[in-house]
C-alpha atoms as a PDB file:
ATOM      1  CA  MET A   1      -7.577   5.162 -33.899  1.00  0.00           C
ATOM      2  CA  GLU A   2      -5.490   6.702 -36.552  1.00  0.00           C
ATOM      3  CA  TRP A   3      -4.083   9.123 -34.140  1.00  0.00           C
ATOM      4  CA  LEU A   4      -2.664   6.046 -32.167  1.00  0.00           C
ATOM      5  CA  LYS A   5      -0.959   5.126 -35.185  1.00  0.00           C
ATOM      6  CA  ASP A   6       0.720   8.270 -35.407  1.00  0.00           C
ATOM      7  CA  TYR A   7       1.379   9.132 -31.826  1.00  0.00           C
ATOM      8  CA  TRP A   8       2.176   6.173 -30.100  1.00  0.00           C
ATOM      9  CA  TRP A   9       5.772   7.211 -29.042  1.00  0.00           C
ATOM     10  CA  ILE A  10       4.111   9.904 -26.967  1.00  0.00           C
ATOM     11  CA  ILE A  11       1.888   7.433 -24.881  1.00  0.00           C
ATOM     12  CA  LEU A  12       5.170   5.634 -24.527  1.00  0.00           C
ATOM     13  CA  ILE A  13       7.105   8.402 -23.098  1.00  0.00           C
ATOM     14  CA  ILE A  14       4.253   9.115 -20.645  1.00  0.00           C
ATOM     15  CA  LEU A  15       3.917   5.733 -19.246  1.00  0.00           C
ATOM     16  CA  LEU A  16       7.653   5.637 -19.138  1.00  0.00           C
ATOM     17  CA  GLY A  17       7.626   9.017 -16.959  1.00  0.00           C
ATOM     18  CA  VAL A  18       4.747   7.360 -14.618  1.00  0.00           C
ATOM     19  CA  PHE A  19       6.857   4.294 -14.378  1.00  0.00           C
ATOM     20  CA  ILE A  20      10.019   6.162 -13.434  1.00  0.00           C
ATOM     21  CA  ASN A  21       8.210   8.472 -10.835  1.00  0.00           C
ATOM     22  CA  THR A  22       6.735   5.692  -9.213  1.00  0.00           C
ATOM     23  CA  ILE A  23      10.074   3.813  -8.728  1.00  0.00           C
ATOM     24  CA  LYS A  24      11.433   6.869  -7.365  1.00  0.00           C
ATOM     25  CA  ASP A  25       8.603   7.644  -4.857  1.00  0.00           C
ATOM     26  CA  LEU A  26       8.915   4.032  -3.833  1.00  0.00           C
ATOM     27  CA  ASN A  27      12.513   4.248  -3.081  1.00  0.00           C
ATOM     28  CA  LYS A  28      11.667   7.205  -0.716  1.00  0.00           C
ATOM     29  CA  LEU A  29       9.316   5.297   1.581  1.00  0.00           C
ATOM     30  CA  SER A  30      11.357   3.770   4.650  1.00  0.00           C
ATOM     31  CA  PHE A  31       9.861   0.657   6.259  1.00  0.00           C
ATOM     32  CA  LYS A  32      12.166   1.253   9.369  1.00  0.00           C
ATOM     33  CA  GLU A  33      10.765   4.482   9.898  1.00  0.00           C
ATOM     34  CA  TYR A  34       7.184   3.295   9.958  1.00  0.00           C
ATOM     35  CA  LEU A  35       7.822   0.524  12.351  1.00  0.00           C
ATOM     36  CA  LYS A  36       9.388   3.351  14.767  1.00  0.00           C
ATOM     37  CA  LYS A  37       6.817   5.508  14.505  1.00  0.00           C
ATOM     38  CA  LYS A  38       3.971   2.364  14.827  1.00  0.00           C
ATOM     39  CA  LYS A  39       5.472   1.712  18.317  1.00  0.00           C
ATOM     40  CA  GLY A  40       4.366   5.017  19.517  1.00  0.00           C
ATOM     41  CA  ILE A  41       0.410   4.198  18.353  1.00  0.00           C
ATOM     42  CA  LYS A  42      -1.763   2.525  20.990  1.00  0.00           C
ATOM     43  CA  PRO A  43      -3.953  -0.326  19.959  1.00  0.00           C
ATOM     44  CA  ILE A  44      -7.616  -0.009  19.924  1.00  0.00           C
ATOM     45  CA  PRO A  45      -9.470  -1.175  22.924  1.00  0.00           C
ATOM     46  CA  TYR A  46     -11.665  -3.722  22.260  1.00  0.00           C
ATOM     47  CA  ASP A  47     -14.577  -5.053  24.819  1.00  0.00           C
ATOM     48  CA  ASP A  48     -14.183  -8.803  25.903  1.00  0.00           C
ATOM     49  CA  ASP A  49     -17.967  -9.201  24.656  1.00  0.00           C
ATOM     50  CA  ASP A  50     -16.961  -8.258  21.001  1.00  0.00           C
ATOM     51  CA  ASP A  51     -14.249 -10.778  20.679  1.00  0.00           C
ATOM     52  CA  TRP A  52     -14.557 -13.768  18.644  1.00  0.00           C
ATOM     53  CA  PRO A  53     -16.632 -16.839  20.197  1.00  0.00           C
ATOM     54  CA  GLN A  54     -14.369 -18.775  22.434  1.00  0.00           C
ATOM     55  CA  ASN A  55     -13.635 -22.308  21.503  1.00  0.00           C
ATOM     56  CA  ASN A  56     -15.431 -24.358  24.467  1.00  0.00           C
ATOM     57  CA  LYS A  57     -13.522 -27.637  24.308  1.00  0.00           C
ATOM     58  CA  PRO A  58     -15.487 -30.679  26.476  1.00  0.00           C
ATOM     59  CA  LYS A  59     -13.628 -31.875  29.339  1.00  0.00           C
END
């Protein structure tokens, strides 16, 4: 643990670099483009037998 006392600033610079790169990559994402692409995707066909049980209310 003695090396940590001497080189704490290097670890701080590495963590700062990771944090800055993460912010840059998140800024490149566009949720509007994702939603536009998602409209072309067809939903997974489900069988009626596999649905959740129906709530049968008494009449």
